[in-house]
PDB file of N, CA and C in Angstrom:
ATOM      1  N   MET A   1    -101.194  81.625 169.981  1.00  0.00           N
ATOM      2  CA  MET A   1     -99.988  81.758 169.192  1.00  0.00           C
ATOM      3  C   MET A   1     -99.536  83.207 169.028  1.00  0.00           C
ATOM      4  N   PRO A   2    -100.423  84.161 168.808  1.00  0.00           N
ATOM      5  CA  PRO A   2     -99.946  85.532 168.629  1.00  0.00           C
ATOM      6  C   PRO A   2     -99.124  86.038 169.812  1.00  0.00           C
ATOM      7  N   ASP A   3     -99.439  85.595 171.019  1.00  0.00           N
ATOM      8  CA  ASP A   3     -98.669  86.033 172.184  1.00  0.00           C
ATOM      9  C   ASP A   3     -97.222  85.565 172.097  1.00  0.00           C
ATOM     10  N   SER A   4     -97.012  84.322 171.697  1.00  0.00           N
ATOM     11  CA  SER A   4     -95.647  83.812 171.603  1.00  0.00           C
ATOM     12  C   SER A   4     -94.883  84.508 170.480  1.00  0.00           C
ATOM     13  N   VAL A   5     -95.570  84.871 169.421  1.00  0.00           N
ATOM     14  CA  VAL A   5     -94.931  85.593 168.325  1.00  0.00           C
ATOM     15  C   VAL A   5     -94.496  86.974 168.805  1.00  0.00           C
ATOM     16  N   ALA A   6     -95.348  87.635 169.564  1.00  0.00           N
ATOM     17  CA  ALA A   6     -95.011  88.964 170.090  1.00  0.00           C
ATOM     18  C   ALA A   6     -93.844  88.893 171.066  1.00  0.00           C
ATOM     19  N   VAL A   7     -93.795  87.851 171.881  1.00  0.00           N
ATOM     20  CA  VAL A   7     -92.690  87.669 172.823  1.00  0.00           C
ATOM     21  C   VAL A   7     -91.393  87.432 172.058  1.00  0.00           C
ATOM     22  N   ASP A   8     -91.446  86.580 171.039  1.00  0.00           N
ATOM     23  CA  ASP A   8     -90.254  86.320 170.227  1.00  0.00           C
ATOM     24  C   ASP A   8     -89.797  87.586 169.509  1.00  0.00           C
ATOM     25  N   ALA A   9     -90.736  88.375 169.025  1.00  0.00           N
ATOM     26  CA  ALA A   9     -90.397  89.629 168.339  1.00  0.00           C
ATOM     27  C   ALA A   9     -89.678  90.570 169.299  1.00  0.00           C
ATOM     28  N   LYS A  10     -90.176  90.663 170.523  1.00  0.00           N
ATOM     29  CA  LYS A  10     -89.523  91.529 171.516  1.00  0.00           C
ATOM     30  C   LYS A  10     -88.107  91.044 171.813  1.00  0.00           C
ATOM     31  N   ARG A  11     -87.937  89.740 171.925  1.00  0.00           N
ATOM     32  CA  ARG A  11     -86.603  89.182 172.181  1.00  0.00           C
ATOM     33  C   ARG A  11     -85.639  89.509 171.042  1.00  0.00           C
ATOM     34  N   ILE A  12     -86.113  89.398 169.815  1.00  0.00           N
ATOM     35  CA  ILE A  12     -85.272  89.714 168.654  1.00  0.00           C
ATOM     36  C   ILE A  12     -84.840  91.172 168.702  1.00  0.00           C
ATOM     37  N   LEU A  13     -85.784  92.042 168.958  1.00  0.00           N
ATOM     38  CA  LEU A  13     -85.475  93.472 168.987  1.00  0.00           C
ATOM     39  C   LEU A  13     -84.518  93.814 170.127  1.00  0.00           C
ATOM     40  N   LEU A  14     -84.718  93.208 171.273  1.00  0.00           N
ATOM     41  CA  LEU A  14     -83.815  93.438 172.402  1.00  0.00           C
ATOM     42  C   LEU A  14     -82.413  92.920 172.086  1.00  0.00           C
ATOM     43  N   ARG A  15     -82.357  91.790 171.438  1.00  0.00           N
ATOM     44  CA  ARG A  15     -81.056  91.194 171.095  1.00  0.00           C
ATOM     45  C   ARG A  15     -80.227  92.121 170.217  1.00  0.00           C
ATOM     46  N   TYR A  16     -80.891  92.864 169.363  1.00  0.00           N
ATOM     47  CA  TYR A  16     -80.174  93.732 168.442  1.00  0.00           C
ATOM     48  C   TYR A  16     -80.173  95.192 168.874  1.00  0.00           C
ATOM     49  N   GLY A  17     -80.357  95.422 170.167  1.00  0.00           N
ATOM     50  CA  GLY A  17     -80.082  96.730 170.725  1.00  0.00           C
ATOM     51  C   GLY A  17     -81.249  97.669 170.957  1.00  0.00           C
ATOM     52  N   ALA A  18     -82.465  97.210 170.785  1.00  0.00           N
ATOM     53  CA  ALA A  18     -83.597  98.080 171.076  1.00  0.00           C
ATOM     54  C   ALA A  18     -83.696  98.277 172.582  1.00  0.00           C
ATOM     55  N   PRO A  19     -83.767  99.522 173.051  1.00  0.00           N
ATOM     56  CA  PRO A  19     -83.893  99.766 174.495  1.00  0.00           C
ATOM     57  C   PRO A  19     -85.246  99.262 175.011  1.00  0.00           C
ATOM     58  N   ILE A  20     -85.231  98.610 176.144  1.00  0.00           N
ATOM     59  CA  ILE A  20     -86.462  98.037 176.687  1.00  0.00           C
ATOM     60  C   ILE A  20     -87.489  99.125 176.998  1.00  0.00           C
ATOM     61  N   ASN A  21     -87.029 100.285 177.456  1.00  0.00           N
ATOM     62  CA  ASN A  21     -87.987 101.352 177.765  1.00  0.00           C
ATOM     63  C   ASN A  21     -88.658 101.873 176.496  1.00  0.00           C
ATOM     64  N   VAL A  22     -88.012 101.766 175.364  1.00  0.00           N
ATOM     65  CA  VAL A  22     -88.622 102.147 174.089  1.00  0.00           C
ATOM     66  C   VAL A  22     -89.613 101.068 173.656  1.00  0.00           C
ATOM     67  N   LEU A  23     -89.212  99.801 173.774  1.00  0.00           N
ATOM     68  CA  LEU A  23     -90.100  98.708 173.356  1.00  0.00           C
ATOM     69  C   LEU A  23     -91.378  98.651 174.180  1.00  0.00           C
ATOM     70  N   ASP A  24     -91.324  99.123 175.410  1.00  0.00           N
ATOM     71  CA  ASP A  24     -92.540  99.142 176.231  1.00  0.00           C
ATOM     72  C   ASP A  24     -93.619 100.031 175.620  1.00  0.00           C
ATOM     73  N   ASN A  25     -93.216 100.968 174.759  1.00  0.00           N
ATOM     74  CA  ASN A  25     -94.169 101.873 174.116  1.00  0.00           C
ATOM     75  C   ASN A  25     -94.577 101.430 172.714  1.00  0.00           C
ATOM     76  N   VAL A  26     -94.085 100.279 172.272  1.00  0.00           N
ATOM     77  CA  VAL A  26     -94.380  99.769 170.933  1.00  0.00           C
ATOM     78  C   VAL A  26     -95.441  98.683 171.050  1.00  0.00           C
ATOM     79  N   SER A  27     -96.465  98.759 170.222  1.00  0.00           N
ATOM     80  CA  SER A  27     -97.529  97.755 170.254  1.00  0.00           C
ATOM     81  C   SER A  27     -96.997  96.400 169.792  1.00  0.00           C
ATOM     82  N   ASP A  28     -97.690  95.341 170.177  1.00  0.00           N
ATOM     83  CA  ASP A  28     -97.287  93.994 169.765  1.00  0.00           C
ATOM     84  C   ASP A  28     -97.240  93.877 168.244  1.00  0.00           C
ATOM     85  N   GLU A  29     -98.225  94.439 167.564  1.00  0.00           N
ATOM     86  CA  GLU A  29     -98.262  94.376 166.092  1.00  0.00           C
ATOM     87  C   GLU A  29     -97.029  95.042 165.490  1.00  0.00           C
ATOM     88  N   ASP A  30     -96.672  96.204 166.012  1.00  0.00           N
ATOM     89  CA  ASP A  30     -95.502  96.916 165.491  1.00  0.00           C
ATOM     90  C   ASP A  30     -94.214  96.173 165.822  1.00  0.00           C
ATOM     91  N   ARG A  31     -94.141  95.572 167.002  1.00  0.00           N
ATOM     92  CA  ARG A  31     -92.953  94.786 167.359  1.00  0.00           C
ATOM     93  C   ARG A  31     -92.754  93.645 166.368  1.00  0.00           C
ATOM     94  N   ILE A  32     -93.853  92.988 166.025  1.00  0.00           N
ATOM     95  CA  ILE A  32     -93.787  91.873 165.079  1.00  0.00           C
ATOM     96  C   ILE A  32     -93.326  92.367 163.709  1.00  0.00           C
ATOM     97  N   CYS A  33     -93.860  93.484 163.264  1.00  0.00           N
ATOM     98  CA  CYS A  33     -93.446  94.056 161.970  1.00  0.00           C
ATOM     99  C   CYS A  33     -91.974  94.442 161.984  1.00  0.00           C
ATOM    100  N   LEU A  34     -91.532  95.061 163.073  1.00  0.00           N
ATOM    101  CA  LEU A  34     -90.128  95.452 163.194  1.00  0.00           C
ATOM    102  C   LEU A  34     -89.219  94.221 163.198  1.00  0.00           C
ATOM    103  N   ALA A  35     -89.598  93.191 163.921  1.00  0.00           N
ATOM    104  CA  ALA A  35     -88.784  91.978 163.985  1.00  0.00           C
ATOM    105  C   ALA A  35     -88.716  91.294 162.622  1.00  0.00           C
ATOM    106  N   ARG A  36     -89.807  91.321 161.887  1.00  0.00           N
ATOM    107  CA  ARG A  36     -89.791  90.742 160.532  1.00  0.00           C
ATOM    108  C   ARG A  36     -88.834  91.500 159.634  1.00  0.00           C
ATOM    109  N   ALA A  37     -88.829  92.815 159.759  1.00  0.00           N
ATOM    110  CA  ALA A  37     -87.906  93.631 158.962  1.00  0.00           C
ATOM    111  C   ALA A  37     -86.464  93.323 159.343  1.00  0.00           C
ATOM    112  N   ILE A  38     -86.204  93.133 160.613  1.00  0.00           N
ATOM    113  CA  ILE A  38     -84.859  92.819 161.081  1.00  0.00           C
ATOM    114  C   ILE A  38     -84.421  91.450 160.568  1.00  0.00           C
ATOM    115  N   ALA A  39     -85.332  90.510 160.534  1.00  0.00           N
ATOM    116  CA  ALA A  39     -85.003  89.164 160.055  1.00  0.00           C
ATOM    117  C   ALA A  39     -84.577  89.179 158.588  1.00  0.00           C
ATOM    118  N   LYS A  40     -85.035  90.170 157.846  1.00  0.00           N
ATOM    119  CA  LYS A  40     -84.685  90.280 156.430  1.00  0.00           C
ATOM    120  C   LYS A  40     -83.417  91.089 156.205  1.00  0.00           C
ATOM    121  N   THR A  41     -82.826  91.575 157.286  1.00  0.00           N
ATOM    122  CA  THR A  41     -81.624  92.397 157.227  1.00  0.00           C
ATOM    123  C   THR A  41     -80.405  91.514 157.487  1.00  0.00           C
ATOM    124  N   THR A  42     -79.307  91.826 156.841  1.00  0.00           N
ATOM    125  CA  THR A  42     -78.097  91.041 157.085  1.00  0.00           C
ATOM    126  C   THR A  42     -77.671  91.188 158.541  1.00  0.00           C
ATOM    127  N   LEU A  43     -77.032  90.162 159.034  1.00  0.00           N
ATOM    128  CA  LEU A  43     -76.638  90.114 160.444  1.00  0.00           C
ATOM    129  C   LEU A  43     -75.801  91.321 160.842  1.00  0.00           C
ATOM    130  N   ALA A  44     -74.876  91.710 160.006  1.00  0.00           N
ATOM    131  CA  ALA A  44     -73.978  92.817 160.334  1.00  0.00           C
ATOM    132  C   ALA A  44     -74.699  94.164 160.426  1.00  0.00           C
ATOM    133  N   GLU A  45     -75.847  94.292 159.792  1.00  0.00           N
ATOM    134  CA  GLU A  45     -76.568  95.566 159.747  1.00  0.00           C
ATOM    135  C   GLU A  45     -77.729  95.645 160.733  1.00  0.00           C
ATOM    136  N   ARG A  46     -78.009  94.583 161.456  1.00  0.00           N
ATOM    137  CA  ARG A  46     -79.220  94.529 162.280  1.00  0.00           C
ATOM    138  C   ARG A  46     -79.263  95.562 163.393  1.00  0.00           C
ATOM    139  N   GLU A  47     -78.167  95.777 164.109  1.00  0.00           N
ATOM    140  CA  GLU A  47     -78.199  96.754 165.207  1.00  0.00           C
ATOM    141  C   GLU A  47     -78.539  98.146 164.698  1.00  0.00           C
ATOM    142  N   ASN A  48     -77.871  98.552 163.633  1.00  0.00           N
ATOM    143  CA  ASN A  48     -78.156  99.876 163.065  1.00  0.00           C
ATOM    144  C   ASN A  48     -79.574  99.951 162.528  1.00  0.00           C
ATOM    145  N   ARG A  49     -80.034  98.871 161.920  1.00  0.00           N
ATOM    146  CA  ARG A  49     -81.373  98.872 161.329  1.00  0.00           C
ATOM    147  C   ARG A  49     -82.456  98.957 162.408  1.00  0.00           C
ATOM    148  N   VAL A  50     -82.240  98.314 163.547  1.00  0.00           N
ATOM    149  CA  VAL A  50     -83.213  98.414 164.647  1.00  0.00           C
ATOM    150  C   VAL A  50     -83.370  99.874 165.049  1.00  0.00           C
ATOM    151  N   ARG A  51     -82.260 100.560 165.230  1.00  0.00           N
ATOM    152  CA  ARG A  51     -82.311 101.974 165.619  1.00  0.00           C
ATOM    153  C   ARG A  51     -83.027 102.808 164.554  1.00  0.00           C
ATOM    154  N   GLU A  52     -82.698 102.548 163.289  1.00  0.00           N
ATOM    155  CA  GLU A  52     -83.326 103.289 162.196  1.00  0.00           C
ATOM    156  C   GLU A  52     -84.838 103.078 162.179  1.00  0.00           C
ATOM    157  N   LEU A  53     -85.258 101.840 162.326  1.00  0.00           N
ATOM    158  CA  LEU A  53     -86.692 101.536 162.294  1.00  0.00           C
ATOM    159  C   LEU A  53     -87.432 102.170 163.468  1.00  0.00           C
ATOM    160  N   LEU A  54     -86.815 102.152 164.641  1.00  0.00           N
ATOM    161  CA  LEU A  54     -87.446 102.777 165.808  1.00  0.00           C
ATOM    162  C   LEU A  54     -87.546 104.290 165.617  1.00  0.00           C
ATOM    163  N   GLU A  55     -86.524 104.885 165.027  1.00  0.00           N
ATOM    164  CA  GLU A  55     -86.560 106.323 164.751  1.00  0.00           C
ATOM    165  C   GLU A  55     -87.614 106.645 163.698  1.00  0.00           C
ATOM    166  N   GLU A  56     -87.658 105.848 162.627  1.00  0.00           N
ATOM    167  CA  GLU A  56     -88.640 106.061 161.566  1.00  0.00           C
ATOM    168  C   GLU A  56     -90.066 105.941 162.086  1.00  0.00           C
ATOM    169  N   GLY A  57     -90.266 105.024 163.026  1.00  0.00           N
ATOM    170  CA  GLY A  57     -91.595 104.822 163.603  1.00  0.00           C
ATOM    171  C   GLY A  57     -91.952 105.852 164.656  1.00  0.00           C
ATOM    172  N   GLY A  58     -90.995 106.729 165.001  1.00  0.00           N
ATOM    173  CA  GLY A  58     -91.256 107.756 165.995  1.00  0.00           C
ATOM    174  C   GLY A  58     -91.155 107.253 167.428  1.00  0.00           C
ATOM    175  N   TYR A  59     -90.567 106.091 167.602  1.00  0.00           N
ATOM    176  CA  TYR A  59     -90.453 105.510 168.941  1.00  0.00           C
ATOM    177  C   TYR A  59     -89.201 105.960 169.671  1.00  0.00           C
ATOM    178  N   ALA A  60     -88.151 106.310 168.923  1.00  0.00           N
ATOM    179  CA  ALA A  60     -86.882 106.706 169.532  1.00  0.00           C
ATOM    180  C   ALA A  60     -86.357 107.921 168.822  1.00  0.00           C
ATOM    181  N   ALA A  61     -85.702 108.786 169.578  1.00  0.00           N
ATOM    182  CA  ALA A  61     -85.099 109.982 169.006  1.00  0.00           C
ATOM    183  C   ALA A  61     -83.802 109.617 168.307  1.00  0.00           C
ATOM    184  N   SER A  62     -83.488 110.338 167.291  1.00  0.00           N
ATOM    185  CA  SER A  62     -82.250 110.145 166.555  1.00  0.00           C
ATOM    186  C   SER A  62     -81.067 110.503 167.439  1.00  0.00           C
ATOM    187  N   GLU A  63     -79.966 109.776 167.286  1.00  0.00           N
ATOM    188  CA  GLU A  63     -78.749 110.105 168.043  1.00  0.00           C
ATOM    189  C   GLU A  63     -78.218 111.473 167.628  1.00  0.00           C
ATOM    190  N   GLU A  64     -78.527 111.899 166.406  1.00  0.00           N
ATOM    191  CA  GLU A  64     -78.092 113.202 165.927  1.00  0.00           C
ATOM    192  C   GLU A  64     -78.783 114.332 166.669  1.00  0.00           C
ATOM    193  N   ASP A  65     -79.994 114.064 167.183  1.00  0.00           N
ATOM    194  CA  ASP A  65     -80.751 115.072 167.933  1.00  0.00           C
ATOM    195  C   ASP A  65     -80.114 115.355 169.286  1.00  0.00           C
ATOM    196  N   GLY A  66     -79.304 114.414 169.741  1.00  0.00           N
ATOM    197  CA  GLY A  66     -78.702 114.559 171.066  1.00  0.00           C
ATOM    198  C   GLY A  66     -79.665 114.177 172.177  1.00  0.00           C
ATOM    199  N   SER A  67     -80.831 113.680 171.804  1.00  0.00           N
ATOM    200  CA  SER A  67     -81.827 113.290 172.786  1.00  0.00           C
ATOM    201  C   SER A  67     -81.576 111.850 173.202  1.00  0.00           C
ATOM    202  N   PRO A  68     -81.790 111.516 174.466  1.00  0.00           N
ATOM    203  CA  PRO A  68     -81.656 110.118 174.872  1.00  0.00           C
ATOM    204  C   PRO A  68     -82.796 109.320 174.283  1.00  0.00           C
ATOM    205  N   SER A  69     -82.539 108.082 173.904  1.00  0.00           N
ATOM    206  CA  SER A  69     -83.589 107.246 173.325  1.00  0.00           C
ATOM    207  C   SER A  69     -84.203 106.315 174.321  1.00  0.00           C
TER     208      SER A  69
END
């Protein structure tokens, strides 16, 4: 079961704009935690929240940095 949960978590994150090359560097446990946080976020805010969570976790650079994520 944990494998299917991790796959579903990755799908959720991809759906809301997480770059696949960034998700490849995120552990299954962290993907699940991130997806749970997204599920608790309103639909309209999910794309922005995915980016924020990835930045907070150190997985993606901030758009303000000018660095590609």
